Amino acid sequence: MLDQDQIVAFARDEILAAWARIVAATLPHLPFGKPLAVDRIGMVRRVAQECGCTVDQVHEVVGAEHG
Protein backbone atom coordinates (compact mmCIF):
# COMPACT_ATOMS: atom_id res chain seq x y z
CA MET A 1 0.00 0.00 0.00
CA LEU A 2 1.28 3.47 -0.85
CA ASP A 3 1.40 6.16 1.79
CA GLN A 4 0.25 9.71 1.07
CA ASP A 5 3.76 11.01 0.27
CA GLN A 6 4.26 8.28 -2.32
CA ILE A 7 0.89 9.07 -3.90
CA VAL A 8 1.75 12.77 -4.10
CA ALA A 9 5.18 12.02 -5.58
CA PHE A 10 3.62 9.67 -8.15
CA ALA A 11 1.00 12.27 -9.12
CA ARG A 12 3.70 14.93 -9.42
CA ASP A 13 5.78 12.68 -11.68
CA GLU A 14 2.76 11.87 -13.84
CA ILE A 15 1.92 15.57 -14.24
CA LEU A 16 5.51 16.41 -15.19
CA ALA A 17 5.65 13.53 -17.67
CA ALA A 18 2.37 14.61 -19.28
CA TRP A 19 3.61 18.21 -19.40
CA ALA A 20 6.84 17.13 -21.10
CA ARG A 21 4.91 15.11 -23.71
CA ILE A 22 2.57 18.00 -24.48
CA VAL A 23 5.38 20.55 -24.68
CA ALA A 24 7.37 18.27 -26.99
CA ALA A 25 4.36 17.78 -29.25
CA THR A 26 3.47 21.48 -29.28
CA LEU A 27 6.91 23.12 -29.48
CA PRO A 28 7.46 22.69 -33.22
CA HIS A 29 4.21 24.57 -33.88
CA LEU A 30 4.91 27.58 -31.65
CA PRO A 31 6.20 30.74 -33.33
CA PHE A 32 8.67 31.70 -30.61
CA GLY A 33 9.88 28.20 -29.79
CA LYS A 34 8.44 28.20 -26.28
CA PRO A 35 4.93 28.26 -24.86
CA LEU A 36 3.49 31.70 -24.19
CA ALA A 37 0.91 32.38 -21.48
CA VAL A 38 -1.94 31.80 -23.93
CA ASP A 39 -0.44 28.48 -25.00
CA ARG A 40 0.19 27.38 -21.42
CA ILE A 41 -3.48 27.76 -20.48
CA GLY A 42 -4.57 25.14 -22.99
CA MET A 43 -1.62 22.91 -22.22
CA VAL A 44 -2.35 23.01 -18.49
CA ARG A 45 -5.99 22.11 -19.16
CA ARG A 46 -4.93 19.19 -21.33
CA VAL A 47 -2.54 17.87 -18.66
CA ALA A 48 -5.25 18.18 -16.00
CA GLN A 49 -7.69 16.26 -18.16
CA GLU A 50 -5.12 13.59 -19.03
CA CYS A 51 -4.01 13.11 -15.42
CA GLY A 52 -7.43 13.41 -13.84
CA CYS A 53 -6.48 16.27 -11.57
CA THR A 54 -7.34 19.95 -11.25
CA VAL A 55 -5.85 22.81 -13.19
CA ASP A 56 -4.60 24.27 -9.90
CA GLN A 57 -2.65 21.09 -9.16
CA VAL A 58 -1.03 21.23 -12.57
CA HIS A 59 -0.17 24.92 -12.09
CA GLU A 60 1.36 24.11 -8.73
CA VAL A 61 3.58 21.35 -10.13
CA VAL A 62 4.44 22.81 -13.52
CA GLY A 63 4.84 26.35 -12.24
CA ALA A 64 7.33 25.21 -9.65
CA GLU A 65 9.31 23.19 -12.18
CA HIS A 66 9.04 25.31 -15.31
CA GLY A 67 8.22 28.78 -14.05
PDB file of N, CA and C in Angstrom:
ATOM      1  N   MET A   1       0.838  -1.177   0.000  1.00  0.00           N
ATOM      2  CA  MET A   1       0.000   0.000   0.000  1.00  0.00           C
ATOM      3  C   MET A   1       0.888   1.248   0.000  1.00  0.00           C
ATOM      4  N   LEU A   2       0.509   2.226  -0.778  1.00  0.00           N
ATOM      5  CA  LEU A   2       1.276   3.468  -0.849  1.00  0.00           C
ATOM      6  C   LEU A   2       0.826   4.428   0.251  1.00  0.00           C
ATOM      7  N   ASP A   3       1.793   5.120   0.827  1.00  0.00           N
ATOM      8  CA  ASP A   3       1.400   6.159   1.787  1.00  0.00           C
ATOM      9  C   ASP A   3       1.143   7.465   1.030  1.00  0.00           C
ATOM     10  N   GLN A   4       0.659   8.458   1.721  1.00  0.00           N
ATOM     11  CA  GLN A   4       0.246   9.707   1.074  1.00  0.00           C
ATOM     12  C   GLN A   4       1.406  10.402   0.350  1.00  0.00           C
ATOM     13  N   ASP A   5       2.600  10.371   0.925  1.00  0.00           N
ATOM     14  CA  ASP A   5       3.755  11.007   0.273  1.00  0.00           C
ATOM     15  C   ASP A   5       4.101  10.322  -1.048  1.00  0.00           C
ATOM     16  N   GLN A   6       3.986   9.004  -1.087  1.00  0.00           N
ATOM     17  CA  GLN A   6       4.260   8.278  -2.322  1.00  0.00           C
ATOM     18  C   GLN A   6       3.205   8.587  -3.384  1.00  0.00           C
ATOM     19  N   ILE A   7       1.965   8.727  -2.961  1.00  0.00           N
ATOM     20  CA  ILE A   7       0.890   9.067  -3.899  1.00  0.00           C
ATOM     21  C   ILE A   7       1.124  10.459  -4.476  1.00  0.00           C
ATOM     22  N   VAL A   8       1.492  11.404  -3.642  1.00  0.00           N
ATOM     23  CA  VAL A   8       1.752  12.775  -4.098  1.00  0.00           C
ATOM     24  C   VAL A   8       2.939  12.796  -5.052  1.00  0.00           C
ATOM     25  N   ALA A   9       3.997  12.070  -4.720  1.00  0.00           N
ATOM     26  CA  ALA A   9       5.181  12.016  -5.584  1.00  0.00           C
ATOM     27  C   ALA A   9       4.838  11.382  -6.933  1.00  0.00           C
ATOM     28  N   PHE A  10       4.031  10.322  -6.912  1.00  0.00           N
ATOM     29  CA  PHE A  10       3.618   9.667  -8.154  1.00  0.00           C
ATOM     30  C   PHE A  10       2.790  10.617  -9.007  1.00  0.00           C
ATOM     31  N   ALA A  11       1.839  11.312  -8.391  1.00  0.00           N
ATOM     32  CA  ALA A  11       0.997  12.266  -9.124  1.00  0.00           C
ATOM     33  C   ALA A  11       1.853  13.378  -9.714  1.00  0.00           C
ATOM     34  N   ARG A  12       2.804  13.874  -8.950  1.00  0.00           N
ATOM     35  CA  ARG A  12       3.704  14.935  -9.424  1.00  0.00           C
ATOM     36  C   ARG A  12       4.498  14.452 -10.633  1.00  0.00           C
ATOM     37  N   ASP A  13       5.014  13.249 -10.560  1.00  0.00           N
ATOM     38  CA  ASP A  13       5.783  12.684 -11.676  1.00  0.00           C
ATOM     39  C   ASP A  13       4.913  12.496 -12.913  1.00  0.00           C
ATOM     40  N   GLU A  14       3.681  12.056 -12.722  1.00  0.00           N
ATOM     41  CA  GLU A  14       2.756  11.872 -13.843  1.00  0.00           C
ATOM     42  C   GLU A  14       2.429  13.210 -14.505  1.00  0.00           C
ATOM     43  N   ILE A  15       2.216  14.228 -13.701  1.00  0.00           N
ATOM     44  CA  ILE A  15       1.916  15.568 -14.237  1.00  0.00           C
ATOM     45  C   ILE A  15       3.111  16.086 -15.026  1.00  0.00           C
ATOM     46  N   LEU A  16       4.308  15.940 -14.482  1.00  0.00           N
ATOM     47  CA  LEU A  16       5.510  16.413 -15.186  1.00  0.00           C
ATOM     48  C   LEU A  16       5.747  15.634 -16.478  1.00  0.00           C
ATOM     49  N   ALA A  17       5.479  14.338 -16.461  1.00  0.00           N
ATOM     50  CA  ALA A  17       5.646  13.533 -17.668  1.00  0.00           C
ATOM     51  C   ALA A  17       4.638  13.949 -18.743  1.00  0.00           C
ATOM     52  N   ALA A  18       3.396  14.166 -18.333  1.00  0.00           N
ATOM     53  CA  ALA A  18       2.372  14.615 -19.283  1.00  0.00           C
ATOM     54  C   ALA A  18       2.721  15.986 -19.824  1.00  0.00           C
ATOM     55  N   TRP A  19       3.212  16.870 -18.970  1.00  0.00           N
ATOM     56  CA  TRP A  19       3.609  18.214 -19.398  1.00  0.00           C
ATOM     57  C   TRP A  19       4.731  18.116 -20.439  1.00  0.00           C
ATOM     58  N   ALA A  20       5.713  17.286 -20.167  1.00  0.00           N
ATOM     59  CA  ALA A  20       6.840  17.133 -21.104  1.00  0.00           C
ATOM     60  C   ALA A  20       6.361  16.611 -22.457  1.00  0.00           C
ATOM     61  N   ARG A  21       5.444  15.647 -22.451  1.00  0.00           N
ATOM     62  CA  ARG A  21       4.911  15.109 -23.708  1.00  0.00           C
ATOM     63  C   ARG A  21       4.176  16.193 -24.496  1.00  0.00           C
ATOM     64  N   ILE A  22       3.365  16.965 -23.801  1.00  0.00           N
ATOM     65  CA  ILE A  22       2.569  17.998 -24.480  1.00  0.00           C
ATOM     66  C   ILE A  22       3.471  19.113 -24.994  1.00  0.00           C
ATOM     67  N   VAL A  23       4.448  19.515 -24.218  1.00  0.00           N
ATOM     68  CA  VAL A  23       5.381  20.554 -24.681  1.00  0.00           C
ATOM     69  C   VAL A  23       6.141  20.061 -25.900  1.00  0.00           C
ATOM     70  N   ALA A  24       6.617  18.821 -25.855  1.00  0.00           N
ATOM     71  CA  ALA A  24       7.372  18.275 -26.989  1.00  0.00           C
ATOM     72  C   ALA A  24       6.514  18.213 -28.252  1.00  0.00           C
ATOM     73  N   ALA A  25       5.248  17.867 -28.097  1.00  0.00           N
ATOM     74  CA  ALA A  25       4.362  17.784 -29.255  1.00  0.00           C
ATOM     75  C   ALA A  25       3.981  19.159 -29.789  1.00  0.00           C
ATOM     76  N   THR A  26       3.938  20.144 -28.922  1.00  0.00           N
ATOM     77  CA  THR A  26       3.473  21.481 -29.284  1.00  0.00           C
ATOM     78  C   THR A  26       4.603  22.394 -29.753  1.00  0.00           C
ATOM     79  N   LEU A  27       5.783  22.211 -29.221  1.00  0.00           N
ATOM     80  CA  LEU A  27       6.909  23.116 -29.479  1.00  0.00           C
ATOM     81  C   LEU A  27       7.176  23.396 -30.951  1.00  0.00           C
ATOM     82  N   PRO A  28       7.169  22.406 -31.818  1.00  0.00           N
ATOM     83  CA  PRO A  28       7.456  22.689 -33.224  1.00  0.00           C
ATOM     84  C   PRO A  28       6.437  23.624 -33.889  1.00  0.00           C
ATOM     85  N   HIS A  29       5.272  23.758 -33.291  1.00  0.00           N
ATOM     86  CA  HIS A  29       4.215  24.570 -33.884  1.00  0.00           C
ATOM     87  C   HIS A  29       4.124  25.971 -33.284  1.00  0.00           C
ATOM     88  N   LEU A  30       4.966  26.276 -32.309  1.00  0.00           N
ATOM     89  CA  LEU A  30       4.909  27.575 -31.646  1.00  0.00           C
ATOM     90  C   LEU A  30       5.852  28.555 -32.332  1.00  0.00           C
ATOM     91  N   PRO A  31       5.389  29.782 -32.575  1.00  0.00           N
ATOM     92  CA  PRO A  31       6.200  30.738 -33.331  1.00  0.00           C
ATOM     93  C   PRO A  31       7.472  31.187 -32.624  1.00  0.00           C
ATOM     94  N   PHE A  32       7.496  31.213 -31.316  1.00  0.00           N
ATOM     95  CA  PHE A  32       8.673  31.703 -30.607  1.00  0.00           C
ATOM     96  C   PHE A  32       9.497  30.575 -29.991  1.00  0.00           C
ATOM     97  N   GLY A  33       9.119  29.336 -30.268  1.00  0.00           N
ATOM     98  CA  GLY A  33       9.882  28.204 -29.786  1.00  0.00           C
ATOM     99  C   GLY A  33       9.682  27.864 -28.334  1.00  0.00           C
ATOM    100  N   LYS A  34       8.770  28.533 -27.660  1.00  0.00           N
ATOM    101  CA  LYS A  34       8.438  28.197 -26.281  1.00  0.00           C
ATOM    102  C   LYS A  34       6.985  28.600 -26.034  1.00  0.00           C
ATOM    103  N   PRO A  35       6.336  27.949 -25.100  1.00  0.00           N
ATOM    104  CA  PRO A  35       4.929  28.256 -24.855  1.00  0.00           C
ATOM    105  C   PRO A  35       4.750  29.631 -24.210  1.00  0.00           C
ATOM    106  N   LEU A  36       3.864  30.414 -24.779  1.00  0.00           N
ATOM    107  CA  LEU A  36       3.494  31.695 -24.190  1.00  0.00           C
ATOM    108  C   LEU A  36       2.363  31.466 -23.199  1.00  0.00           C
ATOM    109  N   ALA A  37       1.969  32.498 -22.486  1.00  0.00           N
ATOM    110  CA  ALA A  37       0.915  32.378 -21.480  1.00  0.00           C
ATOM    111  C   ALA A  37      -0.372  31.818 -22.082  1.00  0.00           C
ATOM    112  N   VAL A  38      -0.720  32.277 -23.264  1.00  0.00           N
ATOM    113  CA  VAL A  38      -1.940  31.799 -23.925  1.00  0.00           C
ATOM    114  C   VAL A  38      -1.829  30.314 -24.249  1.00  0.00           C
ATOM    115  N   ASP A  39      -0.654  29.891 -24.688  1.00  0.00           N
ATOM    116  CA  ASP A  39      -0.437  28.477 -25.004  1.00  0.00           C
ATOM    117  C   ASP A  39      -0.496  27.619 -23.740  1.00  0.00           C
ATOM    118  N   ARG A  40       0.110  28.136 -22.674  1.00  0.00           N
ATOM    119  CA  ARG A  40       0.190  27.378 -21.425  1.00  0.00           C
ATOM    120  C   ARG A  40      -1.184  27.086 -20.842  1.00  0.00           C
ATOM    121  N   ILE A  41      -2.138  27.977 -21.026  1.00  0.00           N
ATOM    122  CA  ILE A  41      -3.484  27.760 -20.485  1.00  0.00           C
ATOM    123  C   ILE A  41      -4.080  26.479 -21.048  1.00  0.00           C
ATOM    124  N   GLY A  42      -4.040  26.342 -22.355  1.00  0.00           N
ATOM    125  CA  GLY A  42      -4.571  25.136 -22.986  1.00  0.00           C
ATOM    126  C   GLY A  42      -3.773  23.897 -22.643  1.00  0.00           C
ATOM    127  N   MET A  43      -2.470  24.045 -22.547  1.00  0.00           N
ATOM    128  CA  MET A  43      -1.618  22.913 -22.223  1.00  0.00           C
ATOM    129  C   MET A  43      -1.876  22.421 -20.797  1.00  0.00           C
ATOM    130  N   VAL A  44      -2.058  23.366 -19.880  1.00  0.00           N
ATOM    131  CA  VAL A  44      -2.352  23.009 -18.489  1.00  0.00           C
ATOM    132  C   VAL A  44      -3.692  22.286 -18.414  1.00  0.00           C
ATOM    133  N   ARG A  45      -4.681  22.772 -19.138  1.00  0.00           N
ATOM    134  CA  ARG A  45      -5.990  22.106 -19.156  1.00  0.00           C
ATOM    135  C   ARG A  45      -5.886  20.689 -19.696  1.00  0.00           C
ATOM    136  N   ARG A  46      -5.093  20.520 -20.739  1.00  0.00           N
ATOM    137  CA  ARG A  46      -4.933  19.192 -21.331  1.00  0.00           C
ATOM    138  C   ARG A  46      -4.248  18.236 -20.354  1.00  0.00           C
ATOM    139  N   VAL A  47      -3.226  18.711 -19.656  1.00  0.00           N
ATOM    140  CA  VAL A  47      -2.538  17.874 -18.665  1.00  0.00           C
ATOM    141  C   VAL A  47      -3.511  17.496 -17.547  1.00  0.00           C
ATOM    142  N   ALA A  48      -4.284  18.455 -17.078  1.00  0.00           N
ATOM    143  CA  ALA A  48      -5.248  18.178 -16.004  1.00  0.00           C
ATOM    144  C   ALA A  48      -6.247  17.116 -16.443  1.00  0.00           C
ATOM    145  N   GLN A  49      -6.730  17.233 -17.654  1.00  0.00           N
ATOM    146  CA  GLN A  49      -7.687  16.258 -18.163  1.00  0.00           C
ATOM    147  C   GLN A  49      -7.041  14.883 -18.298  1.00  0.00           C
ATOM    148  N   GLU A  50      -5.827  14.853 -18.826  1.00  0.00           N
ATOM    149  CA  GLU A  50      -5.124  13.586 -19.030  1.00  0.00           C
ATOM    150  C   GLU A  50      -4.798  12.891 -17.713  1.00  0.00           C
ATOM    151  N   CYS A  51      -4.424  13.681 -16.702  1.00  0.00           N
ATOM    152  CA  CYS A  51      -4.008  13.105 -15.423  1.00  0.00           C
ATOM    153  C   CYS A  51      -5.157  12.952 -14.426  1.00  0.00           C
ATOM    154  N   GLY A  52      -6.300  13.518 -14.745  1.00  0.00           N
ATOM    155  CA  GLY A  52      -7.433  13.406 -13.836  1.00  0.00           C
ATOM    156  C   GLY A  52      -7.258  14.213 -12.573  1.00  0.00           C
ATOM    157  N   CYS A  53      -6.679  15.405 -12.712  1.00  0.00           N
ATOM    158  CA  CYS A  53      -6.481  16.274 -11.565  1.00  0.00           C
ATOM    159  C   CYS A  53      -7.013  17.661 -11.908  1.00  0.00           C
ATOM    160  N   THR A  54      -6.843  18.601 -11.001  1.00  0.00           N
ATOM    161  CA  THR A  54      -7.340  19.948 -11.245  1.00  0.00           C
ATOM    162  C   THR A  54      -6.286  20.791 -11.944  1.00  0.00           C
ATOM    163  N   VAL A  55      -6.751  21.856 -12.545  1.00  0.00           N
ATOM    164  CA  VAL A  55      -5.848  22.810 -13.193  1.00  0.00           C
ATOM    165  C   VAL A  55      -4.910  23.427 -12.155  1.00  0.00           C
ATOM    166  N   ASP A  56      -5.429  23.693 -10.962  1.00  0.00           N
ATOM    167  CA  ASP A  56      -4.601  24.270  -9.903  1.00  0.00           C
ATOM    168  C   ASP A  56      -3.453  23.342  -9.514  1.00  0.00           C
ATOM    169  N   GLN A  57      -3.725  22.045  -9.475  1.00  0.00           N
ATOM    170  CA  GLN A  57      -2.655  21.092  -9.155  1.00  0.00           C
ATOM    171  C   GLN A  57      -1.580  21.101 -10.236  1.00  0.00           C
ATOM    172  N   VAL A  58      -2.002  21.184 -11.475  1.00  0.00           N
ATOM    173  CA  VAL A  58      -1.028  21.230 -12.572  1.00  0.00           C
ATOM    174  C   VAL A  58      -0.219  22.519 -12.481  1.00  0.00           C
ATOM    175  N   HIS A  59      -0.887  23.646 -12.239  1.00  0.00           N
ATOM    176  CA  HIS A  59      -0.173  24.921 -12.094  1.00  0.00           C
ATOM    177  C   HIS A  59       0.850  24.842 -10.968  1.00  0.00           C
ATOM    178  N   GLU A  60       0.466  24.230  -9.878  1.00  0.00           N
ATOM    179  CA  GLU A  60       1.358  24.113  -8.726  1.00  0.00           C
ATOM    180  C   GLU A  60       2.612  23.321  -9.097  1.00  0.00           C
ATOM    181  N   VAL A  61       2.450  22.203  -9.780  1.00  0.00           N
ATOM    182  CA  VAL A  61       3.584  21.349 -10.126  1.00  0.00           C
ATOM    183  C   VAL A  61       4.394  21.943 -11.270  1.00  0.00           C
ATOM    184  N   VAL A  62       3.733  22.318 -12.348  1.00  0.00           N
ATOM    185  CA  VAL A  62       4.438  22.810 -13.523  1.00  0.00           C
ATOM    186  C   VAL A  62       5.030  24.186 -13.272  1.00  0.00           C
ATOM    187  N   GLY A  63       4.323  25.021 -12.547  1.00  0.00           N
ATOM    188  CA  GLY A  63       4.837  26.349 -12.241  1.00  0.00           C
ATOM    189  C   GLY A  63       6.098  26.289 -11.416  1.00  0.00           C
ATOM    190  N   ALA A  64       6.147  25.360 -10.496  1.00  0.00           N
ATOM    191  CA  ALA A  64       7.335  25.208  -9.648  1.00  0.00           C
ATOM    192  C   ALA A  64       8.520  24.679 -10.447  1.00  0.00           C
ATOM    193  N   GLU A  65       8.240  23.811 -11.403  1.00  0.00           N
ATOM    194  CA  GLU A  65       9.309  23.191 -12.183  1.00  0.00           C
ATOM    195  C   GLU A  65       9.732  24.021 -13.377  1.00  0.00           C
ATOM    196  N   HIS A  66       8.761  24.674 -14.026  1.00  0.00           N
ATOM    197  CA  HIS A  66       9.042  25.305 -15.312  1.00  0.00           C
ATOM    198  C   HIS A  66       8.602  26.761 -15.380  1.00  0.00           C
ATOM    199  N   GLY A  67       8.524  27.373 -14.211  1.00  0.00           N
ATOM    200  CA  GLY A  67       8.222  28.779 -14.054  1.00  0.00           C
ATOM    201  C   GLY A  67       7.398  29.378 -15.083  1.00  0.00           C
TER     202      GLY A  67
END
